[in-house]
Amino acid sequence: MTSTTPRMTNLFLQLGLDASEQAIADFIITHQLPADTYISDAPYWDEGQRQFLAEQLKSDGAWAIIVDQLNESLHEDAVKKITGL
């Protein structure tokens, strides 16, 4: 078990991704998901990343909040399209 503080930058580090503020913003913009795609089912994750995300959401622990925030960000375009906002 890791004692890393759950934050978006640390989530990106856990996923092996660039955790700079600009890289996170760019990732979110360029990796938007359709409304019916779960974050852990996104085609751009490798198996380890997919498993980590799914486990964190199931655990309902501290990391689940951060993963859910990423999930919401990755679905932002789809939600705007559905709601018209």
PDB file of N, CA and C in Angstrom:
ATOM      1  N   MET A   1       0.845  -1.173   0.000  1.00  0.00           N
ATOM      2  CA  MET A   1       0.000   0.000   0.000  1.00  0.00           C
ATOM      3  C   MET A   1       0.889   1.234   0.000  1.00  0.00           C
ATOM      4  N   THR A   2       0.505   2.210  -0.782  1.00  0.00           N
ATOM      5  CA  THR A   2       1.308   3.403  -0.907  1.00  0.00           C
ATOM      6  C   THR A   2       0.770   4.513  -0.012  1.00  0.00           C
ATOM      7  N   SER A   3       1.686   5.350   0.482  1.00  0.00           N
ATOM      8  CA  SER A   3       1.278   6.454   1.338  1.00  0.00           C
ATOM      9  C   SER A   3       1.255   7.768   0.568  1.00  0.00           C
ATOM     10  N   THR A   4       1.271   7.703  -0.747  1.00  0.00           N
ATOM     11  CA  THR A   4       1.227   8.883  -1.586  1.00  0.00           C
ATOM     12  C   THR A   4      -0.118   9.582  -1.415  1.00  0.00           C
ATOM     13  N   THR A   5      -0.068  10.890  -1.258  1.00  0.00           N
ATOM     14  CA  THR A   5      -1.293  11.664  -1.111  1.00  0.00           C
ATOM     15  C   THR A   5      -2.076  11.649  -2.417  1.00  0.00           C
ATOM     16  N   PRO A   6      -3.334  11.271  -2.356  1.00  0.00           N
ATOM     17  CA  PRO A   6      -4.149  11.256  -3.562  1.00  0.00           C
ATOM     18  C   PRO A   6      -4.387  12.675  -4.099  1.00  0.00           C
ATOM     19  N   ARG A   7      -3.760  12.979  -5.204  1.00  0.00           N
ATOM     20  CA  ARG A   7      -3.951  14.233  -5.938  1.00  0.00           C
ATOM     21  C   ARG A   7      -3.870  13.884  -7.415  1.00  0.00           C
ATOM     22  N   MET A   8      -4.367  14.757  -8.252  1.00  0.00           N
ATOM     23  CA  MET A   8      -4.362  14.484  -9.687  1.00  0.00           C
ATOM     24  C   MET A   8      -2.930  14.279 -10.191  1.00  0.00           C
ATOM     25  N   THR A   9      -1.999  15.092  -9.736  1.00  0.00           N
ATOM     26  CA  THR A   9      -0.619  14.919 -10.194  1.00  0.00           C
ATOM     27  C   THR A   9      -0.080  13.550  -9.789  1.00  0.00           C
ATOM     28  N   ASN A  10      -0.391  13.114  -8.586  1.00  0.00           N
ATOM     29  CA  ASN A  10       0.081  11.801  -8.136  1.00  0.00           C
ATOM     30  C   ASN A  10      -0.639  10.665  -8.854  1.00  0.00           C
ATOM     31  N   LEU A  11      -1.898  10.876  -9.233  1.00  0.00           N
ATOM     32  CA  LEU A  11      -2.610   9.870 -10.027  1.00  0.00           C
ATOM     33  C   LEU A  11      -1.908   9.694 -11.372  1.00  0.00           C
ATOM     34  N   PHE A  12      -1.553  10.790 -12.015  1.00  0.00           N
ATOM     35  CA  PHE A  12      -0.861  10.702 -13.293  1.00  0.00           C
ATOM     36  C   PHE A  12       0.497  10.020 -13.128  1.00  0.00           C
ATOM     37  N   LEU A  13       1.192  10.295 -12.036  1.00  0.00           N
ATOM     38  CA  LEU A  13       2.465   9.606 -11.779  1.00  0.00           C
ATOM     39  C   LEU A  13       2.225   8.109 -11.593  1.00  0.00           C
ATOM     40  N   GLN A  14       1.173   7.747 -10.844  1.00  0.00           N
ATOM     41  CA  GLN A  14       0.831   6.334 -10.639  1.00  0.00           C
ATOM     42  C   GLN A  14       0.543   5.638 -11.965  1.00  0.00           C
ATOM     43  N   LEU A  15      -0.040   6.389 -12.907  1.00  0.00           N
ATOM     44  CA  LEU A  15      -0.374   5.832 -14.217  1.00  0.00           C
ATOM     45  C   LEU A  15       0.805   5.864 -15.180  1.00  0.00           C
ATOM     46  N   GLY A  16       1.926   6.418 -14.729  1.00  0.00           N
ATOM     47  CA  GLY A  16       3.118   6.480 -15.574  1.00  0.00           C
ATOM     48  C   GLY A  16       3.047   7.570 -16.624  1.00  0.00           C
ATOM     49  N   LEU A  17       2.264   8.606 -16.351  1.00  0.00           N
ATOM     50  CA  LEU A  17       2.077   9.693 -17.304  1.00  0.00           C
ATOM     51  C   LEU A  17       2.758  10.962 -16.808  1.00  0.00           C
ATOM     52  N   ASP A  18       2.988  11.887 -17.726  1.00  0.00           N
ATOM     53  CA  ASP A  18       3.538  13.193 -17.381  1.00  0.00           C
ATOM     54  C   ASP A  18       2.562  13.873 -16.430  1.00  0.00           C
ATOM     55  N   ALA A  19       3.053  14.319 -15.283  1.00  0.00           N
ATOM     56  CA  ALA A  19       2.186  14.883 -14.262  1.00  0.00           C
ATOM     57  C   ALA A  19       2.282  16.399 -14.157  1.00  0.00           C
ATOM     58  N   SER A  20       2.872  17.037 -15.155  1.00  0.00           N
ATOM     59  CA  SER A  20       2.913  18.495 -15.121  1.00  0.00           C
ATOM     60  C   SER A  20       1.500  19.034 -15.335  1.00  0.00           C
ATOM     61  N   GLU A  21       1.262  20.229 -14.860  1.00  0.00           N
ATOM     62  CA  GLU A  21      -0.070  20.826 -14.982  1.00  0.00           C
ATOM     63  C   GLU A  21      -0.511  20.905 -16.442  1.00  0.00           C
ATOM     64  N   GLN A  22       0.395  21.305 -17.329  1.00  0.00           N
ATOM     65  CA  GLN A  22       0.058  21.425 -18.747  1.00  0.00           C
ATOM     66  C   GLN A  22      -0.211  20.057 -19.371  1.00  0.00           C
ATOM     67  N   ALA A  23       0.587  19.059 -18.998  1.00  0.00           N
ATOM     68  CA  ALA A  23       0.400  17.714 -19.548  1.00  0.00           C
ATOM     69  C   ALA A  23      -0.937  17.121 -19.117  1.00  0.00           C
ATOM     70  N   ILE A  24      -1.332  17.361 -17.886  1.00  0.00           N
ATOM     71  CA  ILE A  24      -2.625  16.863 -17.400  1.00  0.00           C
ATOM     72  C   ILE A  24      -3.750  17.543 -18.165  1.00  0.00           C
ATOM     73  N   ALA A  25      -3.668  18.852 -18.316  1.00  0.00           N
ATOM     74  CA  ALA A  25      -4.695  19.595 -19.062  1.00  0.00           C
ATOM     75  C   ALA A  25      -4.772  19.109 -20.506  1.00  0.00           C
ATOM     76  N   ASP A  26      -3.616  18.911 -21.136  1.00  0.00           N
ATOM     77  CA  ASP A  26      -3.585  18.434 -22.522  1.00  0.00           C
ATOM     78  C   ASP A  26      -4.171  17.031 -22.636  1.00  0.00           C
ATOM     79  N   PHE A  27      -3.838  16.160 -21.680  1.00  0.00           N
ATOM     80  CA  PHE A  27      -4.365  14.798 -21.694  1.00  0.00           C
ATOM     81  C   PHE A  27      -5.887  14.815 -21.635  1.00  0.00           C
ATOM     82  N   ILE A  28      -6.424  15.603 -20.729  1.00  0.00           N
ATOM     83  CA  ILE A  28      -7.874  15.666 -20.558  1.00  0.00           C
ATOM     84  C   ILE A  28      -8.545  16.182 -21.831  1.00  0.00           C
ATOM     85  N   ILE A  29      -7.974  17.184 -22.436  1.00  0.00           N
ATOM     86  CA  ILE A  29      -8.554  17.759 -23.661  1.00  0.00           C
ATOM     87  C   ILE A  29      -8.510  16.765 -24.818  1.00  0.00           C
ATOM     88  N   THR A  30      -7.420  16.042 -24.931  1.00  0.00           N
ATOM     89  CA  THR A  30      -7.224  15.163 -26.091  1.00  0.00           C
ATOM     90  C   THR A  30      -7.704  13.728 -25.888  1.00  0.00           C
ATOM     91  N   HIS A  31      -8.214  13.405 -24.713  1.00  0.00           N
ATOM     92  CA  HIS A  31      -8.651  12.036 -24.433  1.00  0.00           C
ATOM     93  C   HIS A  31     -10.096  11.980 -23.945  1.00  0.00           C
ATOM     94  N   GLN A  32     -10.938  12.852 -24.461  1.00  0.00           N
ATOM     95  CA  GLN A  32     -12.345  12.866 -24.068  1.00  0.00           C
ATOM     96  C   GLN A  32     -13.014  11.537 -24.440  1.00  0.00           C
ATOM     97  N   LEU A  33     -13.948  11.126 -23.601  1.00  0.00           N
ATOM     98  CA  LEU A  33     -14.635   9.844 -23.771  1.00  0.00           C
ATOM     99  C   LEU A  33     -16.111  10.039 -24.084  1.00  0.00           C
ATOM    100  N   PRO A  34     -16.688   9.111 -24.836  1.00  0.00           N
ATOM    101  CA  PRO A  34     -18.139   9.126 -25.026  1.00  0.00           C
ATOM    102  C   PRO A  34     -18.829   8.878 -23.684  1.00  0.00           C
ATOM    103  N   ALA A  35     -20.054   9.339 -23.564  1.00  0.00           N
ATOM    104  CA  ALA A  35     -20.794   9.227 -22.304  1.00  0.00           C
ATOM    105  C   ALA A  35     -20.917   7.789 -21.814  1.00  0.00           C
ATOM    106  N   ASP A  36     -20.996   6.831 -22.723  1.00  0.00           N
ATOM    107  CA  ASP A  36     -21.220   5.437 -22.323  1.00  0.00           C
ATOM    108  C   ASP A  36     -19.939   4.630 -22.121  1.00  0.00           C
ATOM    109  N   THR A  37     -18.791   5.292 -22.082  1.00  0.00           N
ATOM    110  CA  THR A  37     -17.517   4.591 -21.885  1.00  0.00           C
ATOM    111  C   THR A  37     -17.003   4.835 -20.471  1.00  0.00           C
ATOM    112  N   TYR A  38     -16.860   3.763 -19.702  1.00  0.00           N
ATOM    113  CA  TYR A  38     -16.283   3.867 -18.368  1.00  0.00           C
ATOM    114  C   TYR A  38     -14.815   4.254 -18.479  1.00  0.00           C
ATOM    115  N   ILE A  39     -14.338   5.000 -17.511  1.00  0.00           N
ATOM    116  CA  ILE A  39     -12.947   5.443 -17.544  1.00  0.00           C
ATOM    117  C   ILE A  39     -11.991   4.257 -17.668  1.00  0.00           C
ATOM    118  N   SER A  40     -12.262   3.180 -16.973  1.00  0.00           N
ATOM    119  CA  SER A  40     -11.352   2.029 -17.018  1.00  0.00           C
ATOM    120  C   SER A  40     -11.445   1.246 -18.327  1.00  0.00           C
ATOM    121  N   ASP A  41     -12.451   1.558 -19.134  1.00  0.00           N
ATOM    122  CA  ASP A  41     -12.590   0.899 -20.439  1.00  0.00           C
ATOM    123  C   ASP A  41     -12.059   1.753 -21.590  1.00  0.00           C
ATOM    124  N   ALA A  42     -11.509   2.896 -21.283  1.00  0.00           N
ATOM    125  CA  ALA A  42     -10.978   3.767 -22.342  1.00  0.00           C
ATOM    126  C   ALA A  42      -9.893   3.025 -23.116  1.00  0.00           C
ATOM    127  N   PRO A  43      -9.863   3.180 -24.430  1.00  0.00           N
ATOM    128  CA  PRO A  43      -8.944   2.409 -25.257  1.00  0.00           C
ATOM    129  C   PRO A  43      -7.474   2.791 -25.110  1.00  0.00           C
ATOM    130  N   TYR A  44      -7.183   3.882 -24.492  1.00  0.00           N
ATOM    131  CA  TYR A  44      -5.796   4.353 -24.412  1.00  0.00           C
ATOM    132  C   TYR A  44      -5.042   3.879 -23.182  1.00  0.00           C
ATOM    133  N   TRP A  45      -5.686   3.182 -22.274  1.00  0.00           N
ATOM    134  CA  TRP A  45      -4.985   2.653 -21.099  1.00  0.00           C
ATOM    135  C   TRP A  45      -4.354   1.308 -21.423  1.00  0.00           C
ATOM    136  N   ASP A  46      -3.210   1.035 -20.816  1.00  0.00           N
ATOM    137  CA  ASP A  46      -2.680  -0.322 -20.907  1.00  0.00           C
ATOM    138  C   ASP A  46      -3.337  -1.143 -19.791  1.00  0.00           C
ATOM    139  N   GLU A  47      -3.090  -2.424 -19.750  1.00  0.00           N
ATOM    140  CA  GLU A  47      -3.783  -3.297 -18.801  1.00  0.00           C
ATOM    141  C   GLU A  47      -3.519  -2.904 -17.344  1.00  0.00           C
ATOM    142  N   GLY A  48      -2.296  -2.524 -17.025  1.00  0.00           N
ATOM    143  CA  GLY A  48      -1.971  -2.116 -15.657  1.00  0.00           C
ATOM    144  C   GLY A  48      -2.703  -0.849 -15.245  1.00  0.00           C
ATOM    145  N   GLN A  49      -2.763   0.114 -16.140  1.00  0.00           N
ATOM    146  CA  GLN A  49      -3.478   1.361 -15.861  1.00  0.00           C
ATOM    147  C   GLN A  49      -4.968   1.084 -15.688  1.00  0.00           C
ATOM    148  N   ARG A  50      -5.506   0.271 -16.571  1.00  0.00           N
ATOM    149  CA  ARG A  50      -6.930  -0.087 -16.523  1.00  0.00           C
ATOM    150  C   ARG A  50      -7.267  -0.758 -15.192  1.00  0.00           C
ATOM    151  N   GLN A  51      -6.437  -1.678 -14.778  1.00  0.00           N
ATOM    152  CA  GLN A  51      -6.664  -2.405 -13.526  1.00  0.00           C
ATOM    153  C   GLN A  51      -6.570  -1.460 -12.328  1.00  0.00           C
ATOM    154  N   PHE A  52      -5.578  -0.582 -12.331  1.00  0.00           N
ATOM    155  CA  PHE A  52      -5.415   0.371 -11.234  1.00  0.00           C
ATOM    156  C   PHE A  52      -6.660   1.244 -11.096  1.00  0.00           C
ATOM    157  N   LEU A  53      -7.120   1.800 -12.209  1.00  0.00           N
ATOM    158  CA  LEU A  53      -8.295   2.675 -12.170  1.00  0.00           C
ATOM    159  C   LEU A  53      -9.534   1.932 -11.681  1.00  0.00           C
ATOM    160  N   ALA A  54      -9.764   0.740 -12.202  1.00  0.00           N
ATOM    161  CA  ALA A  54     -10.929  -0.053 -11.795  1.00  0.00           C
ATOM    162  C   ALA A  54     -10.868  -0.402 -10.313  1.00  0.00           C
ATOM    163  N   GLU A  55      -9.698  -0.803  -9.835  1.00  0.00           N
ATOM    164  CA  GLU A  55      -9.550  -1.166  -8.420  1.00  0.00           C
ATOM    165  C   GLU A  55      -9.777   0.029  -7.513  1.00  0.00           C
ATOM    166  N   GLN A  56      -9.275   1.173  -7.909  1.00  0.00           N
ATOM    167  CA  GLN A  56      -9.434   2.356  -7.068  1.00  0.00           C
ATOM    168  C   GLN A  56     -10.898   2.781  -6.980  1.00  0.00           C
ATOM    169  N   LEU A  57     -11.612   2.696  -8.085  1.00  0.00           N
ATOM    170  CA  LEU A  57     -13.027   3.047  -8.051  1.00  0.00           C
ATOM    171  C   LEU A  57     -13.822   2.062  -7.192  1.00  0.00           C
ATOM    172  N   LYS A  58     -13.497   0.779  -7.286  1.00  0.00           N
ATOM    173  CA  LYS A  58     -14.190  -0.241  -6.482  1.00  0.00           C
ATOM    174  C   LYS A  58     -13.912  -0.077  -4.996  1.00  0.00           C
ATOM    175  N   SER A  59     -12.703   0.355  -4.662  1.00  0.00           N
ATOM    176  CA  SER A  59     -12.299   0.436  -3.260  1.00  0.00           C
ATOM    177  C   SER A  59     -13.035   1.540  -2.505  1.00  0.00           C
ATOM    178  N   ASP A  60     -13.514   2.532  -3.231  1.00  0.00           N
ATOM    179  CA  ASP A  60     -14.196   3.666  -2.622  1.00  0.00           C
ATOM    180  C   ASP A  60     -13.317   4.342  -1.573  1.00  0.00           C
ATOM    181  N   GLY A  61     -11.996   4.266  -1.761  1.00  0.00           N
ATOM    182  CA  GLY A  61     -11.055   4.903  -0.850  1.00  0.00           C
ATOM    183  C   GLY A  61     -10.683   6.294  -1.315  1.00  0.00           C
ATOM    184  N   ALA A  62      -9.611   6.804  -0.761  1.00  0.00           N
ATOM    185  CA  ALA A  62      -9.165   8.166  -1.069  1.00  0.00           C
ATOM    186  C   ALA A  62      -8.852   8.355  -2.550  1.00  0.00           C
ATOM    187  N   TRP A  63      -8.281   7.331  -3.182  1.00  0.00           N
ATOM    188  CA  TRP A  63      -7.952   7.446  -4.602  1.00  0.00           C
ATOM    189  C   TRP A  63      -9.195   7.458  -5.479  1.00  0.00           C
ATOM    190  N   ALA A  64     -10.276   6.865  -5.015  1.00  0.00           N
ATOM    191  CA  ALA A  64     -11.505   6.819  -5.805  1.00  0.00           C
ATOM    192  C   ALA A  64     -12.007   8.224  -6.119  1.00  0.00           C
ATOM    193  N   ILE A  65     -11.836   9.133  -5.200  1.00  0.00           N
ATOM    194  CA  ILE A  65     -12.280  10.515  -5.410  1.00  0.00           C
ATOM    195  C   ILE A  65     -11.503  11.152  -6.552  1.00  0.00           C
ATOM    196  N   ILE A  66     -10.207  10.939  -6.587  1.00  0.00           N
ATOM    197  CA  ILE A  66      -9.359  11.525  -7.629  1.00  0.00           C
ATOM    198  C   ILE A  66      -9.642  10.860  -8.979  1.00  0.00           C
ATOM    199  N   VAL A  67      -9.785   9.544  -8.977  1.00  0.00           N
ATOM    200  CA  VAL A  67     -10.105   8.839 -10.222  1.00  0.00           C
ATOM    201  C   VAL A  67     -11.456   9.310 -10.743  1.00  0.00           C
ATOM    202  N   ASP A  68     -12.416   9.518  -9.853  1.00  0.00           N
ATOM    203  CA  ASP A  68     -13.721  10.010 -10.263  1.00  0.00           C
ATOM    204  C   ASP A  68     -13.618  11.424 -10.834  1.00  0.00           C
ATOM    205  N   GLN A  69     -12.766  12.257 -10.258  1.00  0.00           N
ATOM    206  CA  GLN A  69     -12.560  13.603 -10.800  1.00  0.00           C
ATOM    207  C   GLN A  69     -11.991  13.522 -12.222  1.00  0.00           C
ATOM    208  N   LEU A  70     -11.042  12.631 -12.432  1.00  0.00           N
ATOM    209  CA  LEU A  70     -10.502  12.441 -13.775  1.00  0.00           C
ATOM    210  C   LEU A  70     -11.598  11.936 -14.710  1.00  0.00           C
ATOM    211  N   ASN A  71     -12.391  11.001 -14.229  1.00  0.00           N
ATOM    212  CA  ASN A  71     -13.503  10.467 -15.008  1.00  0.00           C
ATOM    213  C   ASN A  71     -14.441  11.592 -15.459  1.00  0.00           C
ATOM    214  N   GLU A  72     -14.818  12.448 -14.540  1.00  0.00           N
ATOM    215  CA  GLU A  72     -15.694  13.572 -14.876  1.00  0.00           C
ATOM    216  C   GLU A  72     -15.050  14.485 -15.910  1.00  0.00           C
ATOM    217  N   SER A  73     -13.771  14.747 -15.752  1.00  0.00           N
ATOM    218  CA  SER A  73     -13.059  15.611 -16.702  1.00  0.00           C
ATOM    219  C   SER A  73     -12.997  14.989 -18.086  1.00  0.00           C
ATOM    220  N   LEU A  74     -12.805  13.673 -18.139  1.00  0.00           N
ATOM    221  CA  LEU A  74     -12.711  12.984 -19.429  1.00  0.00           C
ATOM    222  C   LEU A  74     -14.063  12.842 -20.123  1.00  0.00           C
ATOM    223  N   HIS A  75     -15.136  13.052 -19.396  1.00  0.00           N
ATOM    224  CA  HIS A  75     -16.485  12.979 -19.969  1.00  0.00           C
ATOM    225  C   HIS A  75     -17.120  14.367 -20.140  1.00  0.00           C
ATOM    226  N   GLU A  76     -16.368  15.403 -19.902  1.00  0.00           N
ATOM    227  CA  GLU A  76     -16.918  16.762 -19.923  1.00  0.00           C
ATOM    228  C   GLU A  76     -17.570  17.112 -21.262  1.00  0.00           C
ATOM    229  N   ASP A  77     -16.907  16.811 -22.369  1.00  0.00           N
ATOM    230  CA  ASP A  77     -17.482  17.117 -23.687  1.00  0.00           C
ATOM    231  C   ASP A  77     -18.779  16.355 -23.930  1.00  0.00           C
ATOM    232  N   ALA A  78     -18.811  15.090 -23.537  1.00  0.00           N
ATOM    233  CA  ALA A  78     -20.007  14.267 -23.739  1.00  0.00           C
ATOM    234  C   ALA A  78     -21.176  14.803 -22.909  1.00  0.00           C
ATOM    235  N   VAL A  79     -20.899  15.216 -21.687  1.00  0.00           N
ATOM    236  CA  VAL A  79     -21.954  15.756 -20.828  1.00  0.00           C
ATOM    237  C   VAL A  79     -22.478  17.059 -21.418  1.00  0.00           C
ATOM    238  N   LYS A  80     -21.576  17.907 -21.894  1.00  0.00           N
ATOM    239  CA  LYS A  80     -22.010  19.174 -22.498  1.00  0.00           C
ATOM    240  C   LYS A  80     -22.890  18.920 -23.722  1.00  0.00           C
ATOM    241  N   LYS A  81     -22.535  17.930 -24.500  1.00  0.00           N
ATOM    242  CA  LYS A  81     -23.309  17.601 -25.695  1.00  0.00           C
ATOM    243  C   LYS A  81     -24.702  17.105 -25.316  1.00  0.00           C
ATOM    244  N   ILE A  82     -24.776  16.261 -24.297  1.00  0.00           N
ATOM    245  CA  ILE A  82     -26.061  15.693 -23.866  1.00  0.00           C
ATOM    246  C   ILE A  82     -26.950  16.755 -23.232  1.00  0.00           C
ATOM    247  N   THR A  83     -26.363  17.584 -22.385  1.00  0.00           N
ATOM    248  CA  THR A  83     -27.148  18.563 -21.639  1.00  0.00           C
ATOM    249  C   THR A  83     -27.358  19.871 -22.398  1.00  0.00           C
ATOM    250  N   GLY A  84     -26.533  20.107 -23.403  1.00  0.00           N
ATOM    251  CA  GLY A  84     -26.629  21.352 -24.153  1.00  0.00           C
ATOM    252  C   GLY A  84     -26.032  22.537 -23.429  1.00  0.00           C
ATOM    253  N   LEU A  85     -25.288  22.284 -22.360  1.00  0.00           N
ATOM    254  CA  LEU A  85     -24.658  23.370 -21.592  1.00  0.00           C
ATOM    255  C   LEU A  85     -23.299  23.726 -22.119  1.00  0.00           C
TER     256      LEU A  85
END
